[in-house]
Amino acid sequence: MTIKNTKDPNTSYQQLRQHIVDGAIPPGSKLSINHLTQQYETSAAPIREALSRLDAEGLVIRKGQRGYWAAPVSLEEFLEVSRLRVMLEVDALAQSIRLGDLNWEASIAGARHREITIKQQAIGQREAMAGELIRENRLFHLALISQCPSQWQLRFLSTLYDQSERYRRLSLIHQSEQTTNDTHNTAHQDDHKLIMEAAFKRDDKTACELLKAHIEHSNQRIIETVF
């Protein structure tokens, strides 16, 4: 896979980052600078800068003089990411419900509609459309919390989403089509519908309880399929 690029360090960073998050570069893979310069059609300097930035984000690890690897996955890390995500996202939803307006509601409804459409298109080809499914799920959650006034909180959540998406991608690949489409997928859609309805009613207590249960259920599904 060769990707046209420029020598802009940010371009290399964004492309490499996306390929690690969406699983195109599997967890634990050796990241050869020579190979990456050819793949992204760029020079070594932008690749080194991208790897350094991704190391700081926890998506890449450096092993002394041996080079870089895509960060591995582990149950311990996933549990920590999950715990922090629940804590921050539930609070962000509560704040969004208190501050949200009609535009906020419209953004949630739009995200919900897109998600349903993509899920219908993905029936029978879930693995091939894993990237789209994960993206639409993330956009729905982002719409829910978009009125949270704390930019730091939203930044931390963005990092946690990136980490979670690596595990979600692996889970989608491992799940059978029958189980995913008929059971988990239906429950997942129902969760989102109920959370949205509670948020629109400004029932922050119910919405937050539903969101917490939804994330924890999804995380348990990932644990069962990945580990």
C-alpha atoms as a PDB file:
ATOM      1  CA  MET A   1       0.000   0.000   0.000  1.00  0.00           C
ATOM      2  CA  THR A   2       1.640   3.187  -1.235  1.00  0.00           C
ATOM      3  CA  ILE A   3       0.144   6.537  -0.283  1.00  0.00           C
ATOM      4  CA  LYS A   4       0.968   9.774  -2.039  1.00  0.00           C
ATOM      5  CA  ASN A   5       2.321  12.265   0.409  1.00  0.00           C
ATOM      6  CA  THR A   6       4.351  15.424   0.700  1.00  0.00           C
ATOM      7  CA  LYS A   7       7.226  16.167   3.037  1.00  0.00           C
ATOM      8  CA  ASP A   8       4.842  17.954   5.386  1.00  0.00           C
ATOM      9  CA  PRO A   9       5.400  16.307   8.788  1.00  0.00           C
ATOM     10  CA  ASN A  10       1.760  16.785   9.760  1.00  0.00           C
ATOM     11  CA  THR A  11       0.560  14.857   6.708  1.00  0.00           C
ATOM     12  CA  SER A  12       2.732  11.870   7.574  1.00  0.00           C
ATOM     13  CA  TYR A  13       1.623  12.083  11.181  1.00  0.00           C
ATOM     14  CA  GLN A  14      -2.088  12.128  10.324  1.00  0.00           C
ATOM     15  CA  GLN A  15      -1.825   9.254   7.855  1.00  0.00           C
ATOM     16  CA  LEU A  16       0.270   7.038  10.102  1.00  0.00           C
ATOM     17  CA  ARG A  17      -1.897   7.840  13.099  1.00  0.00           C
ATOM     18  CA  GLN A  18      -5.078   6.902  11.249  1.00  0.00           C
ATOM     19  CA  HIS A  19      -3.623   3.614  10.042  1.00  0.00           C
ATOM     20  CA  ILE A  20      -2.665   2.651  13.600  1.00  0.00           C
ATOM     21  CA  VAL A  21      -6.028   3.647  15.066  1.00  0.00           C
ATOM     22  CA  ASP A  22      -8.111   1.891  12.396  1.00  0.00           C
ATOM     23  CA  GLY A  23      -6.017  -1.267  12.491  1.00  0.00           C
ATOM     24  CA  ALA A  24      -4.500  -1.039   9.010  1.00  0.00           C
ATOM     25  CA  ILE A  25      -1.221  -1.284  10.928  1.00  0.00           C
ATOM     26  CA  PRO A  26      -1.880  -4.098  13.443  1.00  0.00           C
ATOM     27  CA  PRO A  27      -0.986  -3.670  17.130  1.00  0.00           C
ATOM     28  CA  GLY A  28       2.563  -4.738  17.890  1.00  0.00           C
ATOM     29  CA  SER A  29       3.799  -4.278  14.309  1.00  0.00           C
ATOM     30  CA  LYS A  30       7.404  -3.178  13.771  1.00  0.00           C
ATOM     31  CA  LEU A  31       7.511   0.283  12.217  1.00  0.00           C
ATOM     32  CA  SER A  32      10.487   0.491   9.902  1.00  0.00           C
ATOM     33  CA  ILE A  33      11.383   4.056   8.954  1.00  0.00           C
ATOM     34  CA  ASN A  34      12.680   2.898   5.574  1.00  0.00           C
ATOM     35  CA  HIS A  35       9.471   1.024   4.837  1.00  0.00           C
ATOM     36  CA  LEU A  36       7.288   3.931   5.978  1.00  0.00           C
ATOM     37  CA  THR A  37       9.150   6.449   3.821  1.00  0.00           C
ATOM     38  CA  GLN A  38       8.391   4.266   0.797  1.00  0.00           C
ATOM     39  CA  GLN A  39       4.796   3.596   1.807  1.00  0.00           C
ATOM     40  CA  TYR A  40       3.991   7.270   2.377  1.00  0.00           C
ATOM     41  CA  GLU A  41       6.294   8.544  -0.377  1.00  0.00           C
ATOM     42  CA  THR A  42       8.116  10.970   1.868  1.00  0.00           C
ATOM     43  CA  SER A  43      11.516  11.432   3.483  1.00  0.00           C
ATOM     44  CA  ALA A  44      12.763  10.051   6.781  1.00  0.00           C
ATOM     45  CA  ALA A  45      12.471  13.322   8.738  1.00  0.00           C
ATOM     46  CA  PRO A  46       8.641  13.606   8.622  1.00  0.00           C
ATOM     47  CA  ILE A  47       8.336   9.926   9.535  1.00  0.00           C
ATOM     48  CA  ARG A  48      10.646  10.307  12.531  1.00  0.00           C
ATOM     49  CA  GLU A  49       8.683  13.338  13.718  1.00  0.00           C
ATOM     50  CA  ALA A  50       5.386  11.475  13.281  1.00  0.00           C
ATOM     51  CA  LEU A  51       6.690   8.483  15.240  1.00  0.00           C
ATOM     52  CA  SER A  52       7.903  10.731  18.038  1.00  0.00           C
ATOM     53  CA  ARG A  53       4.496  12.425  18.320  1.00  0.00           C
ATOM     54  CA  LEU A  54       2.665   9.107  18.264  1.00  0.00           C
ATOM     55  CA  ASP A  55       4.996   7.769  20.937  1.00  0.00           C
ATOM     56  CA  ALA A  56       3.950  10.672  23.165  1.00  0.00           C
ATOM     57  CA  GLU A  57       0.283   9.813  22.504  1.00  0.00           C
ATOM     58  CA  GLY A  58       0.723   6.160  23.411  1.00  0.00           C
ATOM     59  CA  LEU A  59      -0.100   4.867  19.932  1.00  0.00           C
ATOM     60  CA  VAL A  60       3.536   3.955  19.237  1.00  0.00           C
ATOM     61  CA  ILE A  61       6.223   2.648  21.564  1.00  0.00           C
ATOM     62  CA  ARG A  62       9.968   3.076  21.229  1.00  0.00           C
ATOM     63  CA  LYS A  63      12.270   0.299  22.387  1.00  0.00           C
ATOM     64  CA  GLY A  64      15.603   1.999  22.944  1.00  0.00           C
ATOM     65  CA  GLN A  65      17.790   1.760  19.859  1.00  0.00           C
ATOM     66  CA  ARG A  66      15.700  -1.042  18.365  1.00  0.00           C
ATOM     67  CA  GLY A  67      13.163   1.317  16.840  1.00  0.00           C
ATOM     68  CA  TYR A  68       9.407   1.797  16.958  1.00  0.00           C
ATOM     69  CA  TRP A  69       6.399  -0.502  17.167  1.00  0.00           C
ATOM     70  CA  ALA A  70       2.667   0.104  16.944  1.00  0.00           C
ATOM     71  CA  ALA A  71       1.452  -0.029  20.531  1.00  0.00           C
ATOM     72  CA  PRO A  72       0.318  -3.521  21.535  1.00  0.00           C
ATOM     73  CA  VAL A  73      -3.084  -4.210  23.052  1.00  0.00           C
ATOM     74  CA  SER A  74      -3.619  -5.599  26.530  1.00  0.00           C
ATOM     75  CA  LEU A  75      -6.534  -6.257  28.846  1.00  0.00           C
ATOM     76  CA  GLU A  76      -4.943  -4.109  31.553  1.00  0.00           C
ATOM     77  CA  GLU A  77      -4.688  -1.100  29.242  1.00  0.00           C
ATOM     78  CA  PHE A  78      -8.204  -1.566  27.891  1.00  0.00           C
ATOM     79  CA  LEU A  79      -9.684  -1.670  31.387  1.00  0.00           C
ATOM     80  CA  GLU A  80      -7.868   1.537  32.332  1.00  0.00           C
ATOM     81  CA  VAL A  81      -8.965   3.305  29.144  1.00  0.00           C
ATOM     82  CA  SER A  82     -12.529   2.126  29.728  1.00  0.00           C
ATOM     83  CA  ARG A  83     -12.610   3.324  33.333  1.00  0.00           C
ATOM     84  CA  LEU A  84     -11.404   6.795  32.425  1.00  0.00           C
ATOM     85  CA  ARG A  85     -13.724   7.047  29.446  1.00  0.00           C
ATOM     86  CA  VAL A  86     -16.803   6.235  31.533  1.00  0.00           C
ATOM     87  CA  MET A  87     -15.835   8.795  34.155  1.00  0.00           C
ATOM     88  CA  LEU A  88     -15.171  11.635  31.700  1.00  0.00           C
ATOM     89  CA  GLU A  89     -17.852  10.917  29.108  1.00  0.00           C
ATOM     90  CA  VAL A  90     -20.730  10.547  31.555  1.00  0.00           C
ATOM     91  CA  ASP A  91     -19.812  13.876  33.146  1.00  0.00           C
ATOM     92  CA  ALA A  92     -19.480  15.505  29.708  1.00  0.00           C
ATOM     93  CA  LEU A  93     -22.954  14.279  28.760  1.00  0.00           C
ATOM     94  CA  ALA A  94     -24.468  15.706  31.944  1.00  0.00           C
ATOM     95  CA  GLN A  95     -22.942  19.102  31.166  1.00  0.00           C
ATOM     96  CA  SER A  96     -24.087  18.951  27.537  1.00  0.00           C
ATOM     97  CA  ILE A  97     -27.660  18.186  28.566  1.00  0.00           C
ATOM     98  CA  ARG A  98     -27.702  21.226  30.838  1.00  0.00           C
ATOM     99  CA  LEU A  99     -26.228  23.510  28.182  1.00  0.00           C
ATOM    100  CA  GLY A 100     -27.559  21.988  24.954  1.00  0.00           C
ATOM    101  CA  ASP A 101     -29.945  23.781  22.596  1.00  0.00           C
ATOM    102  CA  LEU A 102     -31.926  22.871  19.469  1.00  0.00           C
ATOM    103  CA  ASN A 103     -28.780  22.866  17.340  1.00  0.00           C
ATOM    104  CA  TRP A 104     -27.255  20.354  19.740  1.00  0.00           C
ATOM    105  CA  GLU A 105     -30.340  18.159  19.443  1.00  0.00           C
ATOM    106  CA  ALA A 106     -30.201  18.408  15.643  1.00  0.00           C
ATOM    107  CA  SER A 107     -26.557  17.320  15.593  1.00  0.00           C
ATOM    108  CA  ILE A 108     -27.392  14.248  17.691  1.00  0.00           C
ATOM    109  CA  ALA A 109     -30.386  13.348  15.514  1.00  0.00           C
ATOM    110  CA  GLY A 110     -28.255  13.717  12.391  1.00  0.00           C
ATOM    111  CA  ALA A 111     -25.497  11.534  13.805  1.00  0.00           C
ATOM    112  CA  ARG A 112     -28.067   8.937  14.816  1.00  0.00           C
ATOM    113  CA  HIS A 113     -29.585   8.889  11.324  1.00  0.00           C
ATOM    114  CA  ARG A 114     -26.188   8.449   9.657  1.00  0.00           C
ATOM    115  CA  GLU A 115     -25.277   5.663  12.065  1.00  0.00           C
ATOM    116  CA  ILE A 116     -28.476   3.720  11.330  1.00  0.00           C
ATOM    117  CA  THR A 117     -27.951   4.124   7.584  1.00  0.00           C
ATOM    118  CA  ILE A 118     -24.370   2.849   7.714  1.00  0.00           C
ATOM    119  CA  LYS A 119     -25.345  -0.107   9.919  1.00  0.00           C
ATOM    120  CA  GLN A 120     -28.022  -1.128   7.430  1.00  0.00           C
ATOM    121  CA  GLN A 121     -25.511  -0.925   4.594  1.00  0.00           C
ATOM    122  CA  ALA A 122     -23.027  -3.006   6.595  1.00  0.00           C
ATOM    123  CA  ILE A 123     -25.258  -6.064   6.951  1.00  0.00           C
ATOM    124  CA  GLY A 124     -23.322  -8.973   5.465  1.00  0.00           C
ATOM    125  CA  GLN A 125     -20.099  -6.988   5.096  1.00  0.00           C
ATOM    126  CA  ARG A 126     -19.372  -5.860   8.630  1.00  0.00           C
ATOM    127  CA  GLU A 127     -15.635  -6.471   8.534  1.00  0.00           C
ATOM    128  CA  ALA A 128     -15.220  -4.568   5.261  1.00  0.00           C
ATOM    129  CA  MET A 129     -17.144  -1.602   6.677  1.00  0.00           C
ATOM    130  CA  ALA A 130     -15.623  -1.704  10.160  1.00  0.00           C
ATOM    131  CA  GLY A 131     -13.987   1.691   9.691  1.00  0.00           C
ATOM    132  CA  GLU A 132     -17.265   3.379   8.758  1.00  0.00           C
ATOM    133  CA  LEU A 133     -19.132   1.710  11.621  1.00  0.00           C
ATOM    134  CA  ILE A 134     -16.561   2.799  14.177  1.00  0.00           C
ATOM    135  CA  ARG A 135     -16.489   6.340  12.795  1.00  0.00           C
ATOM    136  CA  GLU A 136     -20.284   6.748  12.952  1.00  0.00           C
ATOM    137  CA  ASN A 137     -20.385   5.348  16.486  1.00  0.00           C
ATOM    138  CA  ARG A 138     -17.757   7.867  17.531  1.00  0.00           C
ATOM    139  CA  LEU A 139     -19.568  10.751  15.835  1.00  0.00           C
ATOM    140  CA  PHE A 140     -22.770   9.904  17.704  1.00  0.00           C
ATOM    141  CA  HIS A 141     -20.961   9.939  21.042  1.00  0.00           C
ATOM    142  CA  LEU A 142     -19.172  13.174  20.126  1.00  0.00           C
ATOM    143  CA  ALA A 143     -22.500  14.801  19.260  1.00  0.00           C
ATOM    144  CA  LEU A 144     -23.895  13.816  22.657  1.00  0.00           C
ATOM    145  CA  ILE A 145     -21.078  15.530  24.549  1.00  0.00           C
ATOM    146  CA  SER A 146     -20.418  18.409  22.145  1.00  0.00           C
ATOM    147  CA  GLN A 147     -21.801  21.062  24.522  1.00  0.00           C
ATOM    148  CA  CYS A 148     -19.383  20.178  27.307  1.00  0.00           C
ATOM    149  CA  PRO A 149     -17.591  23.486  28.004  1.00  0.00           C
ATOM    150  CA  SER A 150     -14.274  21.921  29.020  1.00  0.00           C
ATOM    151  CA  GLN A 151     -11.945  21.696  26.030  1.00  0.00           C
ATOM    152  CA  TRP A 152      -9.428  19.751  28.113  1.00  0.00           C
ATOM    153  CA  GLN A 153     -12.050  17.169  28.954  1.00  0.00           C
ATOM    154  CA  LEU A 154     -12.962  16.809  25.279  1.00  0.00           C
ATOM    155  CA  ARG A 155      -9.284  16.470  24.321  1.00  0.00           C
ATOM    156  CA  PHE A 156      -8.741  13.721  26.877  1.00  0.00           C
ATOM    157  CA  LEU A 157     -11.842  11.940  25.610  1.00  0.00           C
ATOM    158  CA  SER A 158     -10.598  12.172  22.027  1.00  0.00           C
ATOM    159  CA  THR A 159      -7.398  10.398  23.080  1.00  0.00           C
ATOM    160  CA  LEU A 160      -9.400   7.738  24.927  1.00  0.00           C
ATOM    161  CA  TYR A 161     -11.629   7.242  21.874  1.00  0.00           C
ATOM    162  CA  ASP A 162      -8.544   6.667  19.724  1.00  0.00           C
ATOM    163  CA  GLN A 163      -7.314   3.999  22.101  1.00  0.00           C
ATOM    164  CA  SER A 164     -10.761   2.408  22.383  1.00  0.00           C
ATOM    165  CA  GLU A 165     -11.164   2.276  18.613  1.00  0.00           C
ATOM    166  CA  ARG A 166      -8.130   0.005  18.236  1.00  0.00           C
ATOM    167  CA  TYR A 167      -9.851  -2.533  20.461  1.00  0.00           C
ATOM    168  CA  ARG A 168     -13.263  -2.040  18.862  1.00  0.00           C
ATOM    169  CA  ARG A 169     -11.769  -2.720  15.434  1.00  0.00           C
ATOM    170  CA  LEU A 170     -10.295  -6.005  16.658  1.00  0.00           C
ATOM    171  CA  SER A 171     -13.628  -6.912  18.229  1.00  0.00           C
ATOM    172  CA  LEU A 172     -15.566  -6.305  15.011  1.00  0.00           C
ATOM    173  CA  ILE A 173     -13.151  -8.499  13.087  1.00  0.00           C
ATOM    174  CA  HIS A 174     -13.463 -11.347  15.598  1.00  0.00           C
ATOM    175  CA  GLN A 175     -17.241 -11.298  15.983  1.00  0.00           C
ATOM    176  CA  SER A 176     -19.305 -13.549  13.762  1.00  0.00           C
ATOM    177  CA  GLU A 177     -21.720 -11.850  11.372  1.00  0.00           C
ATOM    178  CA  GLN A 178     -24.721 -13.642  12.855  1.00  0.00           C
ATOM    179  CA  THR A 179     -24.023 -12.672  16.442  1.00  0.00           C
ATOM    180  CA  THR A 180     -22.997  -9.112  15.640  1.00  0.00           C
ATOM    181  CA  ASN A 181     -25.830  -8.247  13.298  1.00  0.00           C
ATOM    182  CA  ASP A 182     -28.722  -9.952  15.082  1.00  0.00           C
ATOM    183  CA  THR A 183     -27.945  -9.537  18.758  1.00  0.00           C
ATOM    184  CA  HIS A 184     -25.308  -7.012  19.702  1.00  0.00           C
ATOM    185  CA  ASN A 185     -26.035  -4.625  16.839  1.00  0.00           C
ATOM    186  CA  THR A 186     -29.751  -4.407  17.732  1.00  0.00           C
ATOM    187  CA  ALA A 187     -29.009  -3.823  21.417  1.00  0.00           C
ATOM    188  CA  HIS A 188     -26.401  -1.205  20.502  1.00  0.00           C
ATOM    189  CA  GLN A 189     -28.904   0.720  18.366  1.00  0.00           C
ATOM    190  CA  ASP A 190     -31.541   0.526  21.105  1.00  0.00           C
ATOM    191  CA  ASP A 191     -29.018   1.925  23.619  1.00  0.00           C
ATOM    192  CA  HIS A 192     -28.292   4.917  21.416  1.00  0.00           C
ATOM    193  CA  LYS A 193     -32.006   5.541  20.854  1.00  0.00           C
ATOM    194  CA  LEU A 194     -32.752   5.494  24.586  1.00  0.00           C
ATOM    195  CA  ILE A 195     -29.797   7.743  25.446  1.00  0.00           C
ATOM    196  CA  MET A 196     -30.840  10.237  22.773  1.00  0.00           C
ATOM    197  CA  GLU A 197     -34.451  10.305  23.971  1.00  0.00           C
ATOM    198  CA  ALA A 198     -33.428  10.870  27.590  1.00  0.00           C
ATOM    199  CA  ALA A 199     -31.035  13.634  26.544  1.00  0.00           C
ATOM    200  CA  PHE A 200     -33.756  15.378  24.521  1.00  0.00           C
ATOM    201  CA  LYS A 201     -36.033  15.253  27.586  1.00  0.00           C
ATOM    202  CA  ARG A 202     -33.191  16.847  29.566  1.00  0.00           C
ATOM    203  CA  ASP A 203     -33.300  13.881  31.931  1.00  0.00           C
ATOM    204  CA  ASP A 204     -29.606  13.933  32.724  1.00  0.00           C
ATOM    205  CA  LYS A 205     -29.823  11.282  35.450  1.00  0.00           C
ATOM    206  CA  THR A 206     -31.413   8.668  33.174  1.00  0.00           C
ATOM    207  CA  ALA A 207     -29.272   9.600  30.170  1.00  0.00           C
ATOM    208  CA  CYS A 208     -26.059   9.296  32.175  1.00  0.00           C
ATOM    209  CA  GLU A 209     -27.094   5.965  33.686  1.00  0.00           C
ATOM    210  CA  LEU A 210     -27.926   4.642  30.217  1.00  0.00           C
ATOM    211  CA  LEU A 211     -24.638   5.903  28.775  1.00  0.00           C
ATOM    212  CA  LYS A 212     -22.610   4.322  31.568  1.00  0.00           C
ATOM    213  CA  ALA A 213     -24.380   0.976  31.118  1.00  0.00           C
ATOM    214  CA  HIS A 214     -23.997   1.207  27.332  1.00  0.00           C
ATOM    215  CA  ILE A 215     -20.248   1.814  27.441  1.00  0.00           C
ATOM    216  CA  GLU A 216     -19.720  -0.907  30.025  1.00  0.00           C
ATOM    217  CA  HIS A 217     -21.770  -3.408  27.992  1.00  0.00           C
ATOM    218  CA  SER A 218     -19.859  -2.562  24.811  1.00  0.00           C
ATOM    219  CA  ASN A 219     -16.565  -2.888  26.660  1.00  0.00           C
ATOM    220  CA  GLN A 220     -17.554  -6.292  28.019  1.00  0.00           C
ATOM    221  CA  ARG A 221     -18.331  -7.385  24.473  1.00  0.00           C
ATOM    222  CA  ILE A 222     -14.871  -6.297  23.373  1.00  0.00           C
ATOM    223  CA  ILE A 223     -13.249  -8.157  26.269  1.00  0.00           C
ATOM    224  CA  GLU A 224     -15.144 -11.344  25.370  1.00  0.00           C
ATOM    225  CA  THR A 225     -14.154 -11.229  21.708  1.00  0.00           C
ATOM    226  CA  VAL A 226     -10.596  -9.866  21.872  1.00  0.00           C
ATOM    227  CA  PHE A 227      -9.260 -11.455  25.057  1.00  0.00           C
END
